[in-house]
Amino acid sequence: MRILGIDPGIALTGFGVIDKEGVRIKAGSYGHISTESHTPVPDRLKILYDDMANIVQEYRPDVMAVEELFFNKNAKTAIIAAQARGVIILSAVNNDVKVVEYTPLQVKQAVIGYGRASKQQVQFMVKELLCLKEIPKPDDTADALAIAICHANSVDIMKQLDRKS
């Protein structure tokens, strides 16, 4: 199974591709998409959509795992972030890729085993679990790989539950 993890954002969107074979996971490609703050929002959304569609077409994931947004106090920022997340999801759906969503708490629990883990702890575990030489930068890229790992672990849990029922 190929999983594309996404940490959505308008300025920076992290992506990480992992391949899961049995219980093993292996890092594929990872990186980020960035848009310039001086660019009008509609143009930034188009850049984000086009770049994400290209990533989906290039890596052909079986599933896209996307982090759910947590709402902050700035409504304008939350709306723009939600728009970015929307075009990212649309890029998957338009390319026939299933989309699953995870909260930050679920990601931390799946990667660390503790929902209140620090960002540094999650990044360290991403490096260790994927046998990487260093923590992927920027943070959004490491977070995207963590989201992909979360889905890989969730698939295993669901299989175990199916066997028990």
N, C-alpha and C. Protein backbone atom coordinates (compact mmCIF):
# COMPACT_ATOMS: atom_id res chain seq x y z
N MET A 1 0.84 -1.17 0.00
CA MET A 1 0.00 0.00 0.00
C MET A 1 0.89 1.24 0.00
N ARG A 2 0.57 2.17 -0.84
CA ARG A 2 1.29 3.45 -0.87
C ARG A 2 0.40 4.51 -0.24
N ILE A 3 0.96 5.22 0.74
CA ILE A 3 0.23 6.22 1.50
C ILE A 3 0.89 7.58 1.29
N LEU A 4 0.08 8.57 0.95
CA LEU A 4 0.56 9.94 0.82
C LEU A 4 0.04 10.71 2.02
N GLY A 5 0.94 11.11 2.92
CA GLY A 5 0.58 11.91 4.08
C GLY A 5 0.67 13.38 3.75
N ILE A 6 -0.29 14.16 4.24
CA ILE A 6 -0.34 15.59 3.94
C ILE A 6 -0.54 16.40 5.23
N ASP A 7 0.33 17.38 5.42
CA ASP A 7 0.15 18.39 6.47
C ASP A 7 -0.22 19.67 5.74
N PRO A 8 -1.54 19.99 5.67
CA PRO A 8 -1.99 21.08 4.80
C PRO A 8 -1.73 22.47 5.37
N GLY A 9 -1.49 23.39 4.46
CA GLY A 9 -1.32 24.79 4.82
C GLY A 9 -1.28 25.62 3.55
N ILE A 10 -1.55 26.90 3.66
CA ILE A 10 -1.54 27.77 2.48
C ILE A 10 -0.12 28.21 2.15
N ALA A 11 0.68 28.52 3.15
CA ALA A 11 2.06 28.95 2.90
C ALA A 11 2.96 27.76 2.65
N LEU A 12 2.76 26.69 3.42
CA LEU A 12 3.60 25.50 3.35
C LEU A 12 2.73 24.27 3.55
N THR A 13 2.79 23.36 2.61
CA THR A 13 2.10 22.07 2.73
C THR A 13 3.16 21.00 2.66
N GLY A 14 3.25 20.20 3.71
CA GLY A 14 4.19 19.09 3.71
C GLY A 14 3.56 17.86 3.09
N PHE A 15 4.38 17.07 2.37
CA PHE A 15 3.89 15.80 1.86
C PHE A 15 4.94 14.73 2.11
N GLY A 16 4.46 13.52 2.31
CA GLY A 16 5.36 12.39 2.53
C GLY A 16 4.73 11.12 2.01
N VAL A 17 5.48 10.38 1.22
CA VAL A 17 5.02 9.13 0.65
C VAL A 17 5.70 7.99 1.38
N ILE A 18 4.91 7.04 1.87
CA ILE A 18 5.49 5.83 2.45
C ILE A 18 4.85 4.61 1.79
N ASP A 19 5.62 3.55 1.73
CA ASP A 19 5.12 2.28 1.22
C ASP A 19 5.02 1.32 2.39
N LYS A 20 3.90 0.63 2.48
CA LYS A 20 3.65 -0.33 3.55
C LYS A 20 3.52 -1.71 2.93
N GLU A 21 4.38 -2.62 3.39
CA GLU A 21 4.32 -4.02 2.96
C GLU A 21 4.28 -4.86 4.22
N GLY A 22 3.14 -5.49 4.48
CA GLY A 22 2.98 -6.21 5.74
C GLY A 22 3.04 -5.22 6.88
N VAL A 23 3.93 -5.48 7.83
CA VAL A 23 4.08 -4.54 8.95
C VAL A 23 5.22 -3.55 8.72
N ARG A 24 5.92 -3.71 7.62
CA ARG A 24 7.05 -2.81 7.32
C ARG A 24 6.59 -1.55 6.61
N ILE A 25 7.22 -0.44 7.00
CA ILE A 25 6.98 0.82 6.30
C ILE A 25 8.32 1.36 5.83
N LYS A 26 8.29 1.97 4.66
CA LYS A 26 9.51 2.50 4.07
C LYS A 26 9.21 3.87 3.47
N ALA A 27 10.10 4.82 3.73
CA ALA A 27 9.91 6.16 3.19
C ALA A 27 10.17 6.17 1.70
N GLY A 28 9.30 6.86 1.00
CA GLY A 28 9.52 7.15 -0.41
C GLY A 28 9.98 8.59 -0.51
N SER A 29 9.31 9.33 -1.33
CA SER A 29 9.65 10.73 -1.51
C SER A 29 8.94 11.58 -0.45
N TYR A 30 9.52 12.73 -0.16
CA TYR A 30 8.88 13.67 0.75
C TYR A 30 9.42 15.06 0.47
N GLY A 31 8.63 16.05 0.86
CA GLY A 31 9.02 17.44 0.62
C GLY A 31 7.89 18.38 0.99
N HIS A 32 7.86 19.52 0.33
CA HIS A 32 6.81 20.48 0.63
C HIS A 32 6.48 21.32 -0.59
N ILE A 33 5.32 21.91 -0.54
CA ILE A 33 4.87 22.88 -1.53
C ILE A 33 4.78 24.20 -0.79
N SER A 34 5.32 25.24 -1.38
CA SER A 34 5.20 26.55 -0.73
C SER A 34 4.61 27.57 -1.68
N THR A 35 3.89 28.52 -1.12
CA THR A 35 3.36 29.63 -1.90
C THR A 35 3.78 30.93 -1.22
N GLU A 36 3.98 31.92 -2.01
CA GLU A 36 4.46 33.22 -1.51
C GLU A 36 3.32 34.05 -0.93
N SER A 37 3.58 34.67 0.21
CA SER A 37 2.54 35.44 0.92
C SER A 37 2.02 36.63 0.12
N HIS A 38 2.84 37.18 -0.77
CA HIS A 38 2.40 38.35 -1.55
C HIS A 38 1.50 37.97 -2.72
N THR A 39 1.37 36.68 -3.00
CA THR A 39 0.53 36.19 -4.09
C THR A 39 -0.93 36.17 -3.64
N PRO A 40 -1.85 36.60 -4.49
CA PRO A 40 -3.27 36.57 -4.11
C PRO A 40 -3.72 35.14 -3.76
N VAL A 41 -4.63 35.03 -2.79
CA VAL A 41 -5.07 33.73 -2.29
C VAL A 41 -5.59 32.83 -3.41
N PRO A 42 -6.42 33.31 -4.34
CA PRO A 42 -6.88 32.40 -5.40
C PRO A 42 -5.72 31.80 -6.20
N ASP A 43 -4.69 32.58 -6.45
CA ASP A 43 -3.53 32.08 -7.18
C ASP A 43 -2.74 31.07 -6.34
N ARG A 44 -2.66 31.33 -5.05
CA ARG A 44 -1.97 30.39 -4.16
C ARG A 44 -2.71 29.05 -4.13
N LEU A 45 -4.04 29.11 -4.09
CA LEU A 45 -4.83 27.88 -4.09
C LEU A 45 -4.64 27.10 -5.39
N LYS A 46 -4.54 27.81 -6.51
CA LYS A 46 -4.31 27.14 -7.80
C LYS A 46 -2.94 26.46 -7.82
N ILE A 47 -1.93 27.15 -7.33
CA ILE A 47 -0.59 26.57 -7.25
C ILE A 47 -0.63 25.30 -6.40
N LEU A 48 -1.27 25.41 -5.26
CA LEU A 48 -1.37 24.28 -4.34
C LEU A 48 -2.10 23.11 -5.00
N TYR A 49 -3.22 23.39 -5.64
CA TYR A 49 -3.98 22.34 -6.31
C TYR A 49 -3.14 21.68 -7.41
N ASP A 50 -2.56 22.49 -8.27
CA ASP A 50 -1.78 21.95 -9.40
C ASP A 50 -0.59 21.13 -8.92
N ASP A 51 0.15 21.65 -7.95
CA ASP A 51 1.32 20.92 -7.45
C ASP A 51 0.91 19.62 -6.77
N MET A 52 -0.19 19.66 -6.01
CA MET A 52 -0.65 18.45 -5.33
C MET A 52 -1.16 17.43 -6.34
N ALA A 53 -1.86 17.88 -7.36
CA ALA A 53 -2.32 16.96 -8.40
C ALA A 53 -1.13 16.29 -9.09
N ASN A 54 -0.07 17.05 -9.33
CA ASN A 54 1.14 16.48 -9.93
C ASN A 54 1.78 15.43 -9.02
N ILE A 55 1.81 15.70 -7.72
CA ILE A 55 2.37 14.74 -6.75
C ILE A 55 1.52 13.47 -6.75
N VAL A 56 0.21 13.62 -6.72
CA VAL A 56 -0.69 12.46 -6.73
C VAL A 56 -0.49 11.65 -8.01
N GLN A 57 -0.38 12.32 -9.14
CA GLN A 57 -0.19 11.62 -10.41
C GLN A 57 1.18 10.94 -10.49
N GLU A 58 2.19 11.58 -9.93
CA GLU A 58 3.54 11.00 -9.98
C GLU A 58 3.68 9.77 -9.08
N TYR A 59 3.18 9.85 -7.85
CA TYR A 59 3.40 8.78 -6.88
C TYR A 59 2.27 7.76 -6.81
N ARG A 60 1.13 8.09 -7.37
CA ARG A 60 -0.02 7.18 -7.43
C ARG A 60 -0.31 6.47 -6.10
N PRO A 61 -0.62 7.25 -5.07
CA PRO A 61 -0.90 6.62 -3.77
C PRO A 61 -2.23 5.86 -3.80
N ASP A 62 -2.35 4.88 -2.94
CA ASP A 62 -3.61 4.18 -2.75
C ASP A 62 -4.55 5.01 -1.89
N VAL A 63 -3.96 5.82 -1.02
CA VAL A 63 -4.75 6.63 -0.09
C VAL A 63 -3.97 7.89 0.26
N MET A 64 -4.72 8.97 0.50
CA MET A 64 -4.13 10.21 1.00
C MET A 64 -4.61 10.40 2.43
N ALA A 65 -3.68 10.51 3.36
CA ALA A 65 -4.01 10.76 4.77
C ALA A 65 -3.73 12.24 5.04
N VAL A 66 -4.75 12.95 5.48
CA VAL A 66 -4.67 14.40 5.67
C VAL A 66 -4.94 14.73 7.12
N GLU A 67 -4.15 15.65 7.66
CA GLU A 67 -4.39 16.09 9.03
C GLU A 67 -5.59 17.02 9.06
N GLU A 68 -6.47 16.78 10.03
CA GLU A 68 -7.60 17.68 10.24
C GLU A 68 -7.10 18.99 10.80
N LEU A 69 -7.83 20.05 10.51
CA LEU A 69 -7.44 21.36 11.02
C LEU A 69 -7.89 21.52 12.46
N PHE A 70 -7.06 22.20 13.23
CA PHE A 70 -7.55 22.64 14.53
C PHE A 70 -7.79 24.13 14.37
N PHE A 71 -8.87 24.61 14.93
CA PHE A 71 -9.25 26.00 14.73
C PHE A 71 -8.54 26.89 15.72
N ASN A 72 -7.92 27.92 15.18
CA ASN A 72 -7.31 28.90 16.07
C ASN A 72 -8.25 30.09 16.21
N LYS A 73 -7.83 31.08 16.92
CA LYS A 73 -8.70 32.21 17.21
C LYS A 73 -8.87 33.16 16.03
N ASN A 74 -7.96 33.11 15.07
CA ASN A 74 -8.03 34.00 13.93
C ASN A 74 -8.90 33.36 12.84
N ALA A 75 -10.12 33.84 12.69
CA ALA A 75 -11.08 33.25 11.75
C ALA A 75 -10.57 33.35 10.31
N LYS A 76 -9.95 34.46 9.95
CA LYS A 76 -9.46 34.63 8.58
C LYS A 76 -8.40 33.58 8.25
N THR A 77 -7.48 33.34 9.17
CA THR A 77 -6.44 32.34 8.98
C THR A 77 -7.05 30.95 8.88
N ALA A 78 -8.03 30.66 9.72
CA ALA A 78 -8.69 29.36 9.69
C ALA A 78 -9.41 29.12 8.37
N ILE A 79 -10.06 30.15 7.85
CA ILE A 79 -10.78 30.02 6.58
C ILE A 79 -9.81 29.76 5.44
N ILE A 80 -8.72 30.49 5.40
CA ILE A 80 -7.73 30.30 4.32
C ILE A 80 -7.10 28.92 4.43
N ALA A 81 -6.79 28.47 5.64
CA ALA A 81 -6.24 27.12 5.83
C ALA A 81 -7.24 26.06 5.38
N ALA A 82 -8.52 26.27 5.67
CA ALA A 82 -9.55 25.32 5.25
C ALA A 82 -9.68 25.30 3.73
N GLN A 83 -9.53 26.45 3.09
CA GLN A 83 -9.57 26.48 1.63
C GLN A 83 -8.40 25.68 1.05
N ALA A 84 -7.22 25.84 1.64
CA ALA A 84 -6.04 25.10 1.18
C ALA A 84 -6.28 23.60 1.33
N ARG A 85 -6.80 23.22 2.48
CA ARG A 85 -7.09 21.81 2.73
C ARG A 85 -8.11 21.28 1.72
N GLY A 86 -9.09 22.12 1.38
CA GLY A 86 -10.11 21.73 0.40
C GLY A 86 -9.54 21.44 -0.97
N VAL A 87 -8.63 22.29 -1.45
CA VAL A 87 -8.07 22.04 -2.79
C VAL A 87 -7.14 20.83 -2.77
N ILE A 88 -6.51 20.57 -1.63
CA ILE A 88 -5.66 19.39 -1.50
C ILE A 88 -6.51 18.12 -1.60
N ILE A 89 -7.62 18.10 -0.87
CA ILE A 89 -8.53 16.96 -0.91
C ILE A 89 -9.12 16.80 -2.31
N LEU A 90 -9.48 17.90 -2.93
CA LEU A 90 -10.02 17.86 -4.29
C LEU A 90 -9.01 17.26 -5.27
N SER A 91 -7.74 17.58 -5.10
CA SER A 91 -6.72 17.02 -5.99
C SER A 91 -6.66 15.51 -5.89
N ALA A 92 -6.90 14.97 -4.70
CA ALA A 92 -6.93 13.51 -4.52
C ALA A 92 -8.19 12.93 -5.15
N VAL A 93 -9.34 13.50 -4.80
CA VAL A 93 -10.62 12.99 -5.29
C VAL A 93 -10.67 13.03 -6.83
N ASN A 94 -10.18 14.11 -7.41
CA ASN A 94 -10.18 14.22 -8.88
C ASN A 94 -9.24 13.21 -9.54
N ASN A 95 -8.35 12.61 -8.76
CA ASN A 95 -7.44 11.59 -9.29
C ASN A 95 -7.77 10.20 -8.72
N ASP A 96 -9.02 10.04 -8.26
CA ASP A 96 -9.53 8.75 -7.77
C ASP A 96 -8.72 8.17 -6.62
N VAL A 97 -8.24 9.02 -5.72
CA VAL A 97 -7.50 8.58 -4.54
C VAL A 97 -8.39 8.76 -3.32
N LYS A 98 -8.50 7.70 -2.53
CA LYS A 98 -9.28 7.73 -1.29
C LYS A 98 -8.62 8.69 -0.31
N VAL A 99 -9.43 9.42 0.46
CA VAL A 99 -8.92 10.37 1.45
C VAL A 99 -9.39 9.94 2.84
N VAL A 100 -8.44 9.91 3.78
CA VAL A 100 -8.76 9.67 5.19
C VAL A 100 -8.20 10.83 6.00
N GLU A 101 -8.81 11.07 7.16
CA GLU A 101 -8.42 12.24 7.96
C GLU A 101 -8.10 11.81 9.39
N TYR A 102 -7.09 12.48 9.96
CA TYR A 102 -6.68 12.20 11.33
C TYR A 102 -6.46 13.50 12.08
N THR A 103 -6.79 13.48 13.35
CA THR A 103 -6.54 14.65 14.20
C THR A 103 -5.07 14.63 14.63
N PRO A 104 -4.54 15.77 15.05
CA PRO A 104 -3.17 15.79 15.56
C PRO A 104 -2.98 14.81 16.74
N LEU A 105 -4.00 14.68 17.59
CA LEU A 105 -3.93 13.76 18.71
C LEU A 105 -3.79 12.31 18.21
N GLN A 106 -4.57 11.93 17.21
CA GLN A 106 -4.48 10.57 16.66
C GLN A 106 -3.10 10.31 16.06
N VAL A 107 -2.54 11.31 15.39
CA VAL A 107 -1.21 11.15 14.78
C VAL A 107 -0.17 10.92 15.86
N LYS A 108 -0.21 11.73 16.90
CA LYS A 108 0.77 11.57 18.00
C LYS A 108 0.63 10.22 18.68
N GLN A 109 -0.59 9.78 18.90
CA GLN A 109 -0.80 8.47 19.53
C GLN A 109 -0.27 7.35 18.65
N ALA A 110 -0.47 7.45 17.35
CA ALA A 110 -0.05 6.39 16.43
C ALA A 110 1.47 6.34 16.28
N VAL A 111 2.12 7.49 16.34
CA VAL A 111 3.57 7.54 16.10
C VAL A 111 4.36 7.36 17.40
N ILE A 112 3.90 7.96 18.47
CA ILE A 112 4.62 7.97 19.74
C ILE A 112 3.98 7.05 20.77
N GLY A 113 2.64 6.95 20.72
CA GLY A 113 1.93 6.20 21.74
C GLY A 113 1.42 7.10 22.84
N TYR A 114 1.59 8.42 22.64
CA TYR A 114 1.17 9.40 23.63
C TYR A 114 0.63 10.63 22.90
N GLY A 115 -0.65 10.95 23.12
CA GLY A 115 -1.31 12.02 22.38
C GLY A 115 -0.84 13.42 22.69
N ARG A 116 -0.08 13.59 23.76
CA ARG A 116 0.40 14.93 24.12
C ARG A 116 1.91 15.06 23.85
N ALA A 117 2.44 14.19 23.01
CA ALA A 117 3.87 14.23 22.69
C ALA A 117 4.23 15.57 22.04
N SER A 118 5.47 15.97 22.22
CA SER A 118 5.95 17.22 21.61
C SER A 118 6.24 17.01 20.13
N LYS A 119 6.30 18.11 19.43
CA LYS A 119 6.63 18.08 18.00
C LYS A 119 8.01 17.44 17.79
N GLN A 120 8.95 17.72 18.68
CA GLN A 120 10.30 17.16 18.57
C GLN A 120 10.28 15.64 18.75
N GLN A 121 9.46 15.15 19.68
CA GLN A 121 9.35 13.70 19.89
C GLN A 121 8.78 13.01 18.65
N VAL A 122 7.77 13.62 18.05
CA VAL A 122 7.17 13.05 16.84
C VAL A 122 8.20 13.04 15.71
N GLN A 123 8.90 14.13 15.53
CA GLN A 123 9.89 14.20 14.46
C GLN A 123 11.01 13.17 14.65
N PHE A 124 11.46 13.00 15.88
CA PHE A 124 12.49 12.00 16.17
C PHE A 124 11.99 10.60 15.81
N MET A 125 10.75 10.29 16.19
CA MET A 125 10.21 8.96 15.90
C MET A 125 10.01 8.74 14.41
N VAL A 126 9.65 9.77 13.68
CA VAL A 126 9.52 9.67 12.22
C VAL A 126 10.87 9.26 11.64
N LYS A 127 11.91 9.94 12.08
CA LYS A 127 13.27 9.62 11.61
C LYS A 127 13.63 8.18 11.94
N GLU A 128 13.34 7.75 13.15
CA GLU A 128 13.69 6.40 13.59
C GLU A 128 12.85 5.33 12.88
N LEU A 129 11.55 5.53 12.82
CA LEU A 129 10.66 4.53 12.23
C LEU A 129 10.94 4.32 10.74
N LEU A 130 11.35 5.41 10.06
CA LEU A 130 11.59 5.32 8.62
C LEU A 130 13.08 5.16 8.29
N CYS A 131 13.90 5.01 9.33
CA CYS A 131 15.35 4.82 9.15
C CYS A 131 15.98 5.92 8.30
N LEU A 132 15.63 7.15 8.60
CA LEU A 132 16.18 8.30 7.88
C LEU A 132 17.44 8.78 8.57
N LYS A 133 18.34 9.38 7.83
CA LYS A 133 19.59 9.89 8.41
C LYS A 133 19.35 11.12 9.27
N GLU A 134 18.35 11.91 8.89
CA GLU A 134 18.05 13.11 9.67
C GLU A 134 16.56 13.40 9.63
N ILE A 135 16.12 14.25 10.51
CA ILE A 135 14.71 14.64 10.56
C ILE A 135 14.41 15.48 9.33
N PRO A 136 13.37 15.12 8.58
CA PRO A 136 13.01 15.91 7.39
C PRO A 136 12.65 17.34 7.76
N LYS A 137 13.07 18.26 6.94
CA LYS A 137 12.78 19.68 7.13
C LYS A 137 12.06 20.19 5.90
N PRO A 138 11.22 21.18 6.01
CA PRO A 138 10.77 21.83 7.23
C PRO A 138 9.86 20.92 8.06
N ASP A 139 9.42 21.41 9.20
CA ASP A 139 8.60 20.63 10.13
C ASP A 139 7.37 20.02 9.45
N ASP A 140 6.78 20.76 8.50
CA ASP A 140 5.58 20.29 7.83
C ASP A 140 5.83 18.98 7.07
N THR A 141 7.04 18.80 6.58
CA THR A 141 7.39 17.57 5.87
C THR A 141 7.45 16.39 6.83
N ALA A 142 8.09 16.58 7.97
CA ALA A 142 8.14 15.52 8.99
C ALA A 142 6.73 15.21 9.48
N ASP A 143 5.91 16.25 9.64
CA ASP A 143 4.52 16.04 10.08
C ASP A 143 3.74 15.23 9.05
N ALA A 144 3.96 15.49 7.77
CA ALA A 144 3.27 14.74 6.71
C ALA A 144 3.64 13.26 6.76
N LEU A 145 4.91 12.98 6.99
CA LEU A 145 5.33 11.58 7.12
C LEU A 145 4.70 10.95 8.36
N ALA A 146 4.57 11.71 9.44
CA ALA A 146 3.92 11.19 10.65
C ALA A 146 2.46 10.85 10.37
N ILE A 147 1.80 11.67 9.58
CA ILE A 147 0.40 11.41 9.23
C ILE A 147 0.29 10.13 8.40
N ALA A 148 1.23 9.93 7.49
CA ALA A 148 1.25 8.69 6.69
C ALA A 148 1.49 7.48 7.59
N ILE A 149 2.41 7.61 8.54
CA ILE A 149 2.69 6.52 9.50
C ILE A 149 1.43 6.23 10.32
N CYS A 150 0.73 7.27 10.72
CA CYS A 150 -0.50 7.11 11.48
C CYS A 150 -1.49 6.24 10.70
N HIS A 151 -1.64 6.51 9.43
CA HIS A 151 -2.58 5.70 8.63
C HIS A 151 -2.07 4.26 8.51
N ALA A 152 -0.79 4.09 8.30
CA ALA A 152 -0.23 2.73 8.20
C ALA A 152 -0.52 1.95 9.47
N ASN A 153 -0.36 2.57 10.62
CA ASN A 153 -0.64 1.91 11.90
C ASN A 153 -2.13 1.68 12.10
N SER A 154 -2.95 2.60 11.64
CA SER A 154 -4.40 2.47 11.77
C SER A 154 -4.92 1.31 10.93
N VAL A 155 -4.34 1.09 9.77
CA VAL A 155 -4.74 -0.03 8.91
C VAL A 155 -4.49 -1.35 9.65
N ASP A 156 -3.34 -1.45 10.33
CA ASP A 156 -3.03 -2.67 11.10
C ASP A 156 -4.04 -2.89 12.21
N ILE A 157 -4.41 -1.83 12.91
CA ILE A 157 -5.37 -1.94 14.01
C ILE A 157 -6.73 -2.39 13.46
N MET A 158 -7.15 -1.81 12.35
CA MET A 158 -8.44 -2.18 11.76
C MET A 158 -8.45 -3.65 11.33
N LYS A 159 -7.35 -4.13 10.79
CA LYS A 159 -7.26 -5.55 10.41
C LYS A 159 -7.39 -6.45 11.63
N GLN A 160 -6.74 -6.06 12.73
CA GLN A 160 -6.83 -6.84 13.96
C GLN A 160 -8.26 -6.87 14.48
N LEU A 161 -8.94 -5.75 14.43
CA LEU A 161 -10.33 -5.69 14.90
C LEU A 161 -11.24 -6.53 14.01
N ASP A 162 -10.99 -6.52 12.71
CA ASP A 162 -11.80 -7.33 11.78
C ASP A 162 -11.63 -8.81 12.08
N ARG A 163 -10.43 -9.23 12.43
CA ARG A 163 -10.17 -10.64 12.73
C ARG A 163 -10.87 -11.08 14.01
N LYS A 164 -11.02 -10.16 14.95
CA LYS A 164 -11.63 -10.49 16.24
C LYS A 164 -13.14 -10.57 16.14
N SER A 165 -13.73 -9.89 15.15
CA SER A 165 -15.21 -9.88 15.06
C SER A 165 -15.75 -10.96 14.16
